Amino acid sequence: MDNPPPLLPDSRYVPSPDITVRVLDGEAVLLNVQTGAYFGLNKVGTHIWQLYSEGKSTAEVVDGVCLRFAVTVERAEADVRAFTERLVERGLLATR
């Protein structure tokens, strides 16, 4: 598998076309209808997913996480990076 492109502040990601999402009580479940793979998201992951779904850049997602969860920029960057890389690897997010 090719390495994903680097996560840059202006990087943008979108849900892969084969993904369906259900949100309940602020937490989401993502399902790839082609592969049957699913991934559960906590409140932070769901917020990140929603921001990417709105077309936000990685920098905007980091800012959104800082504002919503009152964390440092460094913590938000690390969390957004780890989350994004995992979902790209699983085919749930794609670069735009």
PDB file of N, CA and C in Angstrom:
ATOM      1  N   MET A   1       0.844  -1.167   0.000  1.00  0.00           N
ATOM      2  CA  MET A   1       0.000   0.000   0.000  1.00  0.00           C
ATOM      3  C   MET A   1       0.897   1.241   0.000  1.00  0.00           C
ATOM      4  N   ASP A   2       0.514   2.249  -0.772  1.00  0.00           N
ATOM      5  CA  ASP A   2       1.266   3.492  -0.811  1.00  0.00           C
ATOM      6  C   ASP A   2       1.121   4.231   0.501  1.00  0.00           C
ATOM      7  N   ASN A   3       2.164   5.011   0.826  1.00  0.00           N
ATOM      8  CA  ASN A   3       2.071   5.858   2.009  1.00  0.00           C
ATOM      9  C   ASN A   3       1.112   6.998   1.735  1.00  0.00           C
ATOM     10  N   PRO A   4       0.298   7.375   2.739  1.00  0.00           N
ATOM     11  CA  PRO A   4      -0.605   8.504   2.527  1.00  0.00           C
ATOM     12  C   PRO A   4       0.189   9.794   2.431  1.00  0.00           C
ATOM     13  N   PRO A   5      -0.376  10.815   1.794  1.00  0.00           N
ATOM     14  CA  PRO A   5       0.321  12.089   1.727  1.00  0.00           C
ATOM     15  C   PRO A   5       0.485  12.659   3.130  1.00  0.00           C
ATOM     16  N   PRO A   6       1.481  13.512   3.331  1.00  0.00           N
ATOM     17  CA  PRO A   6       1.689  14.075   4.669  1.00  0.00           C
ATOM     18  C   PRO A   6       0.484  14.905   5.105  1.00  0.00           C
ATOM     19  N   LEU A   7       0.274  14.920   6.397  1.00  0.00           N
ATOM     20  CA  LEU A   7      -0.814  15.698   6.972  1.00  0.00           C
ATOM     21  C   LEU A   7      -0.328  17.131   7.144  1.00  0.00           C
ATOM     22  N   LEU A   8      -0.775  18.003   6.259  1.00  0.00           N
ATOM     23  CA  LEU A   8      -0.376  19.401   6.272  1.00  0.00           C
ATOM     24  C   LEU A   8      -1.532  20.261   6.765  1.00  0.00           C
ATOM     25  N   PRO A   9      -1.238  21.473   7.258  1.00  0.00           N
ATOM     26  CA  PRO A   9      -2.320  22.333   7.758  1.00  0.00           C
ATOM     27  C   PRO A   9      -3.427  22.587   6.738  1.00  0.00           C
ATOM     28  N   ASP A  10      -3.075  22.633   5.450  1.00  0.00           N
ATOM     29  CA  ASP A  10      -4.101  22.896   4.437  1.00  0.00           C
ATOM     30  C   ASP A  10      -4.651  21.627   3.794  1.00  0.00           C
ATOM     31  N   SER A  11      -4.257  20.452   4.325  1.00  0.00           N
ATOM     32  CA  SER A  11      -4.799  19.186   3.824  1.00  0.00           C
ATOM     33  C   SER A  11      -6.295  19.129   4.095  1.00  0.00           C
ATOM     34  N   ARG A  12      -7.017  18.534   3.165  1.00  0.00           N
ATOM     35  CA  ARG A  12      -8.463  18.355   3.326  1.00  0.00           C
ATOM     36  C   ARG A  12      -8.801  16.900   3.050  1.00  0.00           C
ATOM     37  N   TYR A  13      -9.689  16.371   3.847  1.00  0.00           N
ATOM     38  CA  TYR A  13     -10.112  14.984   3.726  1.00  0.00           C
ATOM     39  C   TYR A  13     -11.628  14.932   3.620  1.00  0.00           C
ATOM     40  N   VAL A  14     -12.114  13.934   2.933  1.00  0.00           N
ATOM     41  CA  VAL A  14     -13.553  13.735   2.785  1.00  0.00           C
ATOM     42  C   VAL A  14     -13.873  12.276   3.085  1.00  0.00           C
ATOM     43  N   PRO A  15     -15.095  12.011   3.522  1.00  0.00           N
ATOM     44  CA  PRO A  15     -15.483  10.617   3.715  1.00  0.00           C
ATOM     45  C   PRO A  15     -15.393   9.865   2.387  1.00  0.00           C
ATOM     46  N   SER A  16     -14.887   8.671   2.441  1.00  0.00           N
ATOM     47  CA  SER A  16     -14.862   7.836   1.244  1.00  0.00           C
ATOM     48  C   SER A  16     -16.296   7.586   0.794  1.00  0.00           C
ATOM     49  N   PRO A  17     -16.522   7.439  -0.517  1.00  0.00           N
ATOM     50  CA  PRO A  17     -17.887   7.337  -1.029  1.00  0.00           C
ATOM     51  C   PRO A  17     -18.669   6.124  -0.535  1.00  0.00           C
ATOM     52  N   ASP A  18     -17.997   5.079  -0.112  1.00  0.00           N
ATOM     53  CA  ASP A  18     -18.683   3.861   0.317  1.00  0.00           C
ATOM     54  C   ASP A  18     -18.995   3.837   1.810  1.00  0.00           C
ATOM     55  N   ILE A  19     -18.870   4.985   2.477  1.00  0.00           N
ATOM     56  CA  ILE A  19     -19.046   5.041   3.922  1.00  0.00           C
ATOM     57  C   ILE A  19     -20.445   5.544   4.277  1.00  0.00           C
ATOM     58  N   THR A  20     -21.077   4.843   5.193  1.00  0.00           N
ATOM     59  CA  THR A  20     -22.305   5.344   5.789  1.00  0.00           C
ATOM     60  C   THR A  20     -22.003   5.657   7.248  1.00  0.00           C
ATOM     61  N   VAL A  21     -22.706   6.644   7.782  1.00  0.00           N
ATOM     62  CA  VAL A  21     -22.434   7.122   9.136  1.00  0.00           C
ATOM     63  C   VAL A  21     -23.730   7.187   9.919  1.00  0.00           C
ATOM     64  N   ARG A  22     -23.662   6.782  11.166  1.00  0.00           N
ATOM     65  CA  ARG A  22     -24.774   6.941  12.091  1.00  0.00           C
ATOM     66  C   ARG A  22     -24.212   7.579  13.353  1.00  0.00           C
ATOM     67  N   VAL A  23     -24.863   8.663  13.807  1.00  0.00           N
ATOM     68  CA  VAL A  23     -24.448   9.355  15.032  1.00  0.00           C
ATOM     69  C   VAL A  23     -25.553   9.214  16.059  1.00  0.00           C
ATOM     70  N   LEU A  24     -25.180   8.810  17.261  1.00  0.00           N
ATOM     71  CA  LEU A  24     -26.119   8.671  18.358  1.00  0.00           C
ATOM     72  C   LEU A  24     -25.449   9.179  19.627  1.00  0.00           C
ATOM     73  N   ASP A  25     -26.070  10.131  20.282  1.00  0.00           N
ATOM     74  CA  ASP A  25     -25.527  10.717  21.513  1.00  0.00           C
ATOM     75  C   ASP A  25     -24.112  11.249  21.329  1.00  0.00           C
ATOM     76  N   GLY A  26     -23.853  11.855  20.175  1.00  0.00           N
ATOM     77  CA  GLY A  26     -22.562  12.489  19.934  1.00  0.00           C
ATOM     78  C   GLY A  26     -21.446  11.559  19.523  1.00  0.00           C
ATOM     79  N   GLU A  27     -21.736  10.280  19.357  1.00  0.00           N
ATOM     80  CA  GLU A  27     -20.721   9.322  18.926  1.00  0.00           C
ATOM     81  C   GLU A  27     -21.179   8.663  17.630  1.00  0.00           C
ATOM     82  N   ALA A  28     -20.219   8.422  16.736  1.00  0.00           N
ATOM     83  CA  ALA A  28     -20.552   7.905  15.408  1.00  0.00           C
ATOM     84  C   ALA A  28     -20.026   6.489  15.200  1.00  0.00           C
ATOM     85  N   VAL A  29     -20.713   5.794  14.318  1.00  0.00           N
ATOM     86  CA  VAL A  29     -20.244   4.506  13.800  1.00  0.00           C
ATOM     87  C   VAL A  29     -20.157   4.671  12.298  1.00  0.00           C
ATOM     88  N   LEU A  30     -18.991   4.347  11.741  1.00  0.00           N
ATOM     89  CA  LEU A  30     -18.752   4.421  10.308  1.00  0.00           C
ATOM     90  C   LEU A  30     -18.743   3.003   9.759  1.00  0.00           C
ATOM     91  N   LEU A  31     -19.385   2.805   8.632  1.00  0.00           N
ATOM     92  CA  LEU A  31     -19.431   1.485   8.004  1.00  0.00           C
ATOM     93  C   LEU A  31     -19.069   1.615   6.542  1.00  0.00           C
ATOM     94  N   ASN A  32     -18.093   0.833   6.115  1.00  0.00           N
ATOM     95  CA  ASN A  32     -17.760   0.744   4.699  1.00  0.00           C
ATOM     96  C   ASN A  32     -18.659  -0.342   4.124  1.00  0.00           C
ATOM     97  N   VAL A  33     -19.616   0.071   3.292  1.00  0.00           N
ATOM     98  CA  VAL A  33     -20.594  -0.878   2.779  1.00  0.00           C
ATOM     99  C   VAL A  33     -19.981  -1.870   1.784  1.00  0.00           C
ATOM    100  N   GLN A  34     -18.848  -1.547   1.219  1.00  0.00           N
ATOM    101  CA  GLN A  34     -18.185  -2.467   0.286  1.00  0.00           C
ATOM    102  C   GLN A  34     -17.428  -3.572   1.011  1.00  0.00           C
ATOM    103  N   THR A  35     -16.753  -3.219   2.113  1.00  0.00           N
ATOM    104  CA  THR A  35     -15.911  -4.196   2.804  1.00  0.00           C
ATOM    105  C   THR A  35     -16.533  -4.744   4.078  1.00  0.00           C
ATOM    106  N   GLY A  36     -17.533  -4.042   4.610  1.00  0.00           N
ATOM    107  CA  GLY A  36     -18.129  -4.450   5.871  1.00  0.00           C
ATOM    108  C   GLY A  36     -17.346  -3.988   7.090  1.00  0.00           C
ATOM    109  N   ALA A  37     -16.233  -3.295   6.867  1.00  0.00           N
ATOM    110  CA  ALA A  37     -15.421  -2.796   7.983  1.00  0.00           C
ATOM    111  C   ALA A  37     -16.140  -1.640   8.660  1.00  0.00           C
ATOM    112  N   TYR A  38     -16.074  -1.609   9.977  1.00  0.00           N
ATOM    113  CA  TYR A  38     -16.691  -0.502  10.700  1.00  0.00           C
ATOM    114  C   TYR A  38     -15.732   0.035  11.748  1.00  0.00           C
ATOM    115  N   PHE A  39     -16.002   1.244  12.176  1.00  0.00           N
ATOM    116  CA  PHE A  39     -15.132   1.929  13.112  1.00  0.00           C
ATOM    117  C   PHE A  39     -16.005   2.797  14.003  1.00  0.00           C
ATOM    118  N   GLY A  40     -15.877   2.648  15.307  1.00  0.00           N
ATOM    119  CA  GLY A  40     -16.624   3.469  16.248  1.00  0.00           C
ATOM    120  C   GLY A  40     -15.818   4.693  16.639  1.00  0.00           C
ATOM    121  N   LEU A  41     -16.481   5.831  16.708  1.00  0.00           N
ATOM    122  CA  LEU A  41     -15.815   7.080  17.064  1.00  0.00           C
ATOM    123  C   LEU A  41     -16.354   7.616  18.384  1.00  0.00           C
ATOM    124  N   ASN A  42     -15.442   8.097  19.225  1.00  0.00           N
ATOM    125  CA  ASN A  42     -15.874   8.780  20.439  1.00  0.00           C
ATOM    126  C   ASN A  42     -16.286  10.208  20.078  1.00  0.00           C
ATOM    127  N   LYS A  43     -16.591  11.015  21.060  1.00  0.00           N
ATOM    128  CA  LYS A  43     -17.067  12.379  20.798  1.00  0.00           C
ATOM    129  C   LYS A  43     -16.028  13.220  20.058  1.00  0.00           C
ATOM    130  N   VAL A  44     -14.749  13.074  20.409  1.00  0.00           N
ATOM    131  CA  VAL A  44     -13.703  13.848  19.736  1.00  0.00           C
ATOM    132  C   VAL A  44     -13.582  13.388  18.281  1.00  0.00           C
ATOM    133  N   GLY A  45     -13.521  12.085  18.068  1.00  0.00           N
ATOM    134  CA  GLY A  45     -13.437  11.557  16.715  1.00  0.00           C
ATOM    135  C   GLY A  45     -14.636  11.953  15.867  1.00  0.00           C
ATOM    136  N   THR A  46     -15.811  11.933  16.459  1.00  0.00           N
ATOM    137  CA  THR A  46     -17.020  12.331  15.742  1.00  0.00           C
ATOM    138  C   THR A  46     -16.949  13.803  15.353  1.00  0.00           C
ATOM    139  N   HIS A  47     -16.454  14.644  16.259  1.00  0.00           N
ATOM    140  CA  HIS A  47     -16.322  16.072  15.952  1.00  0.00           C
ATOM    141  C   HIS A  47     -15.330  16.287  14.806  1.00  0.00           C
ATOM    142  N   ILE A  48     -14.202  15.583  14.844  1.00  0.00           N
ATOM    143  CA  ILE A  48     -13.204  15.679  13.766  1.00  0.00           C
ATOM    144  C   ILE A  48     -13.840  15.230  12.446  1.00  0.00           C
ATOM    145  N   TRP A  49     -14.537  14.111  12.458  1.00  0.00           N
ATOM    146  CA  TRP A  49     -15.201  13.586  11.263  1.00  0.00           C
ATOM    147  C   TRP A  49     -16.161  14.621  10.685  1.00  0.00           C
ATOM    148  N   GLN A  50     -16.958  15.222  11.551  1.00  0.00           N
ATOM    149  CA  GLN A  50     -17.937  16.203  11.087  1.00  0.00           C
ATOM    150  C   GLN A  50     -17.259  17.425  10.476  1.00  0.00           C
ATOM    151  N   LEU A  51     -16.164  17.881  11.080  1.00  0.00           N
ATOM    152  CA  LEU A  51     -15.451  19.037  10.526  1.00  0.00           C
ATOM    153  C   LEU A  51     -14.870  18.715   9.151  1.00  0.00           C
ATOM    154  N   TYR A  52     -14.257  17.547   9.001  1.00  0.00           N
ATOM    155  CA  TYR A  52     -13.755  17.143   7.676  1.00  0.00           C
ATOM    156  C   TYR A  52     -14.918  17.043   6.687  1.00  0.00           C
ATOM    157  N   SER A  53     -16.047  16.501   7.134  1.00  0.00           N
ATOM    158  CA  SER A  53     -17.215  16.352   6.255  1.00  0.00           C
ATOM    159  C   SER A  53     -17.739  17.698   5.771  1.00  0.00           C
ATOM    160  N   GLU A  54     -17.511  18.748   6.559  1.00  0.00           N
ATOM    161  CA  GLU A  54     -17.916  20.105   6.178  1.00  0.00           C
ATOM    162  C   GLU A  54     -16.908  20.775   5.251  1.00  0.00           C
ATOM    163  N   GLY A  55     -15.810  20.070   4.934  1.00  0.00           N
ATOM    164  CA  GLY A  55     -14.810  20.620   4.032  1.00  0.00           C
ATOM    165  C   GLY A  55     -13.701  21.400   4.710  1.00  0.00           C
ATOM    166  N   LYS A  56     -13.593  21.283   6.030  1.00  0.00           N
ATOM    167  CA  LYS A  56     -12.567  22.019   6.766  1.00  0.00           C
ATOM    168  C   LYS A  56     -11.181  21.444   6.482  1.00  0.00           C
ATOM    169  N   SER A  57     -10.176  22.336   6.515  1.00  0.00           N
ATOM    170  CA  SER A  57      -8.779  21.910   6.387  1.00  0.00           C
ATOM    171  C   SER A  57      -8.323  21.304   7.713  1.00  0.00           C
ATOM    172  N   THR A  58      -7.171  20.654   7.687  1.00  0.00           N
ATOM    173  CA  THR A  58      -6.629  20.081   8.911  1.00  0.00           C
ATOM    174  C   THR A  58      -6.402  21.158   9.961  1.00  0.00           C
ATOM    175  N   ALA A  59      -5.892  22.319   9.571  1.00  0.00           N
ATOM    176  CA  ALA A  59      -5.681  23.410  10.531  1.00  0.00           C
ATOM    177  C   ALA A  59      -7.007  23.852  11.145  1.00  0.00           C
ATOM    178  N   GLU A  60      -8.051  23.930  10.343  1.00  0.00           N
ATOM    179  CA  GLU A  60      -9.370  24.307  10.862  1.00  0.00           C
ATOM    180  C   GLU A  60      -9.930  23.233  11.794  1.00  0.00           C
ATOM    181  N   VAL A  61      -9.650  21.974  11.481  1.00  0.00           N
ATOM    182  CA  VAL A  61     -10.088  20.881  12.350  1.00  0.00           C
ATOM    183  C   VAL A  61      -9.371  20.981  13.696  1.00  0.00           C
ATOM    184  N   VAL A  62      -8.063  21.212  13.670  1.00  0.00           N
ATOM    185  CA  VAL A  62      -7.301  21.368  14.914  1.00  0.00           C
ATOM    186  C   VAL A  62      -7.882  22.519  15.738  1.00  0.00           C
ATOM    187  N   ASP A  63      -8.133  23.655  15.097  1.00  0.00           N
ATOM    188  CA  ASP A  63      -8.731  24.798  15.803  1.00  0.00           C
ATOM    189  C   ASP A  63     -10.075  24.424  16.411  1.00  0.00           C
ATOM    190  N   GLY A  64     -10.884  23.695  15.646  1.00  0.00           N
ATOM    191  CA  GLY A  64     -12.199  23.284  16.131  1.00  0.00           C
ATOM    192  C   GLY A  64     -12.115  22.364  17.334  1.00  0.00           C
ATOM    193  N   VAL A  65     -11.144  21.479  17.344  1.00  0.00           N
ATOM    194  CA  VAL A  65     -10.952  20.584  18.483  1.00  0.00           C
ATOM    195  C   VAL A  65     -10.512  21.382  19.708  1.00  0.00           C
ATOM    196  N   CYS A  66      -9.603  22.338  19.506  1.00  0.00           N
ATOM    197  CA  CYS A  66      -9.152  23.181  20.622  1.00  0.00           C
ATOM    198  C   CYS A  66     -10.320  23.932  21.247  1.00  0.00           C
ATOM    199  N   LEU A  67     -11.156  24.509  20.410  1.00  0.00           N
ATOM    200  CA  LEU A  67     -12.283  25.301  20.903  1.00  0.00           C
ATOM    201  C   LEU A  67     -13.320  24.445  21.624  1.00  0.00           C
ATOM    202  N   ARG A  68     -13.634  23.322  21.035  1.00  0.00           N
ATOM    203  CA  ARG A  68     -14.717  22.494  21.589  1.00  0.00           C
ATOM    204  C   ARG A  68     -14.299  21.742  22.843  1.00  0.00           C
ATOM    205  N   PHE A  69     -13.032  21.299  22.893  1.00  0.00           N
ATOM    206  CA  PHE A  69     -12.617  20.430  23.994  1.00  0.00           C
ATOM    207  C   PHE A  69     -11.588  21.059  24.930  1.00  0.00           C
ATOM    208  N   ALA A  70     -11.268  22.328  24.711  1.00  0.00           N
ATOM    209  CA  ALA A  70     -10.345  23.067  25.589  1.00  0.00           C
ATOM    210  C   ALA A  70      -9.033  22.316  25.811  1.00  0.00           C
ATOM    211  N   VAL A  71      -8.398  21.933  24.716  1.00  0.00           N
ATOM    212  CA  VAL A  71      -7.090  21.281  24.776  1.00  0.00           C
ATOM    213  C   VAL A  71      -6.062  22.177  24.102  1.00  0.00           C
ATOM    214  N   THR A  72      -4.789  21.891  24.340  1.00  0.00           N
ATOM    215  CA  THR A  72      -3.726  22.668  23.711  1.00  0.00           C
ATOM    216  C   THR A  72      -3.656  22.353  22.222  1.00  0.00           C
ATOM    217  N   VAL A  73      -3.044  23.268  21.489  1.00  0.00           N
ATOM    218  CA  VAL A  73      -2.855  23.045  20.052  1.00  0.00           C
ATOM    219  C   VAL A  73      -2.024  21.792  19.822  1.00  0.00           C
ATOM    220  N   GLU A  74      -0.991  21.595  20.618  1.00  0.00           N
ATOM    221  CA  GLU A  74      -0.121  20.421  20.451  1.00  0.00           C
ATOM    222  C   GLU A  74      -0.908  19.127  20.638  1.00  0.00           C
ATOM    223  N   ARG A  75      -1.757  19.098  21.657  1.00  0.00           N
ATOM    224  CA  ARG A  75      -2.570  17.898  21.907  1.00  0.00           C
ATOM    225  C   ARG A  75      -3.555  17.676  20.767  1.00  0.00           C
ATOM    226  N   ALA A  76      -4.215  18.755  20.329  1.00  0.00           N
ATOM    227  CA  ALA A  76      -5.185  18.638  19.234  1.00  0.00           C
ATOM    228  C   ALA A  76      -4.501  18.179  17.954  1.00  0.00           C
ATOM    229  N   GLU A  77      -3.323  18.739  17.653  1.00  0.00           N
ATOM    230  CA  GLU A  77      -2.596  18.323  16.440  1.00  0.00           C
ATOM    231  C   GLU A  77      -2.262  16.837  16.497  1.00  0.00           C
ATOM    232  N   ALA A  78      -1.788  16.368  17.635  1.00  0.00           N
ATOM    233  CA  ALA A  78      -1.425  14.949  17.776  1.00  0.00           C
ATOM    234  C   ALA A  78      -2.661  14.062  17.614  1.00  0.00           C
ATOM    235  N   ASP A  79      -3.762  14.456  18.234  1.00  0.00           N
ATOM    236  CA  ASP A  79      -4.992  13.656  18.146  1.00  0.00           C
ATOM    237  C   ASP A  79      -5.550  13.648  16.725  1.00  0.00           C
ATOM    238  N   VAL A  80      -5.568  14.812  16.081  1.00  0.00           N
ATOM    239  CA  VAL A  80      -6.090  14.900  14.714  1.00  0.00           C
ATOM    240  C   VAL A  80      -5.204  14.085  13.772  1.00  0.00           C
ATOM    241  N   ARG A  81      -3.887  14.182  13.939  1.00  0.00           N
ATOM    242  CA  ARG A  81      -2.970  13.414  13.094  1.00  0.00           C
ATOM    243  C   ARG A  81      -3.214  11.907  13.253  1.00  0.00           C
ATOM    244  N   ALA A  82      -3.248  11.427  14.473  1.00  0.00           N
ATOM    245  CA  ALA A  82      -3.433   9.992  14.712  1.00  0.00           C
ATOM    246  C   ALA A  82      -4.780   9.519  14.167  1.00  0.00           C
ATOM    247  N   PHE A  83      -5.828  10.282  14.434  1.00  0.00           N
ATOM    248  CA  PHE A  83      -7.166   9.932  13.960  1.00  0.00           C
ATOM    249  C   PHE A  83      -7.204   9.874  12.436  1.00  0.00           C
ATOM    250  N   THR A  84      -6.697  10.919  11.806  1.00  0.00           N
ATOM    251  CA  THR A  84      -6.738  11.016  10.343  1.00  0.00           C
ATOM    252  C   THR A  84      -5.948   9.878   9.708  1.00  0.00           C
ATOM    253  N   GLU A  85      -4.750   9.621  10.208  1.00  0.00           N
ATOM    254  CA  GLU A  85      -3.926   8.549   9.642  1.00  0.00           C
ATOM    255  C   GLU A  85      -4.628   7.196   9.752  1.00  0.00           C
ATOM    256  N   ARG A  86      -5.253   6.924  10.903  1.00  0.00           N
ATOM    257  CA  ARG A  86      -5.961   5.645  11.072  1.00  0.00           C
ATOM    258  C   ARG A  86      -7.112   5.510  10.097  1.00  0.00           C
ATOM    259  N   LEU A  87      -7.887   6.578   9.931  1.00  0.00           N
ATOM    260  CA  LEU A  87      -9.042   6.487   9.049  1.00  0.00           C
ATOM    261  C   LEU A  87      -8.647   6.437   7.582  1.00  0.00           C
ATOM    262  N   VAL A  88      -7.566   7.098   7.200  1.00  0.00           N
ATOM    263  CA  VAL A  88      -7.062   7.004   5.827  1.00  0.00           C
ATOM    264  C   VAL A  88      -6.575   5.577   5.566  1.00  0.00           C
ATOM    265  N   GLU A  89      -5.832   5.011   6.512  1.00  0.00           N
ATOM    266  CA  GLU A  89      -5.323   3.636   6.365  1.00  0.00           C
ATOM    267  C   GLU A  89      -6.460   2.638   6.196  1.00  0.00           C
ATOM    268  N   ARG A  90      -7.583   2.873   6.879  1.00  0.00           N
ATOM    269  CA  ARG A  90      -8.734   1.962   6.809  1.00  0.00           C
ATOM    270  C   ARG A  90      -9.671   2.281   5.643  1.00  0.00           C
ATOM    271  N   GLY A  91      -9.330   3.305   4.855  1.00  0.00           N
ATOM    272  CA  GLY A  91     -10.147   3.633   3.701  1.00  0.00           C
ATOM    273  C   GLY A  91     -11.439   4.371   4.033  1.00  0.00           C
ATOM    274  N   LEU A  92     -11.512   4.953   5.222  1.00  0.00           N
ATOM    275  CA  LEU A  92     -12.718   5.653   5.635  1.00  0.00           C
ATOM    276  C   LEU A  92     -12.687   7.136   5.264  1.00  0.00           C
ATOM    277  N   LEU A  93     -11.495   7.698   5.202  1.00  0.00           N
ATOM    278  CA  LEU A  93     -11.282   9.079   4.748  1.00  0.00           C
ATOM    279  C   LEU A  93     -10.366   9.050   3.537  1.00  0.00           C
ATOM    280  N   ALA A  94     -10.571   9.988   2.647  1.00  0.00           N
ATOM    281  CA  ALA A  94      -9.725  10.122   1.446  1.00  0.00           C
ATOM    282  C   ALA A  94      -9.300  11.569   1.316  1.00  0.00           C
ATOM    283  N   THR A  95      -8.162  11.796   0.682  1.00  0.00           N
ATOM    284  CA  THR A  95      -7.744  13.171   0.439  1.00  0.00           C
ATOM    285  C   THR A  95      -8.638  13.779  -0.616  1.00  0.00           C
ATOM    286  N   ARG A  96      -8.801  15.067  -0.483  1.00  0.00           N
ATOM    287  CA  ARG A  96      -9.672  15.799  -1.402  1.00  0.00           C
ATOM    288  C   ARG A  96      -8.866  16.447  -2.475  1.00  0.00           C
TER     289      ARG A  96
END
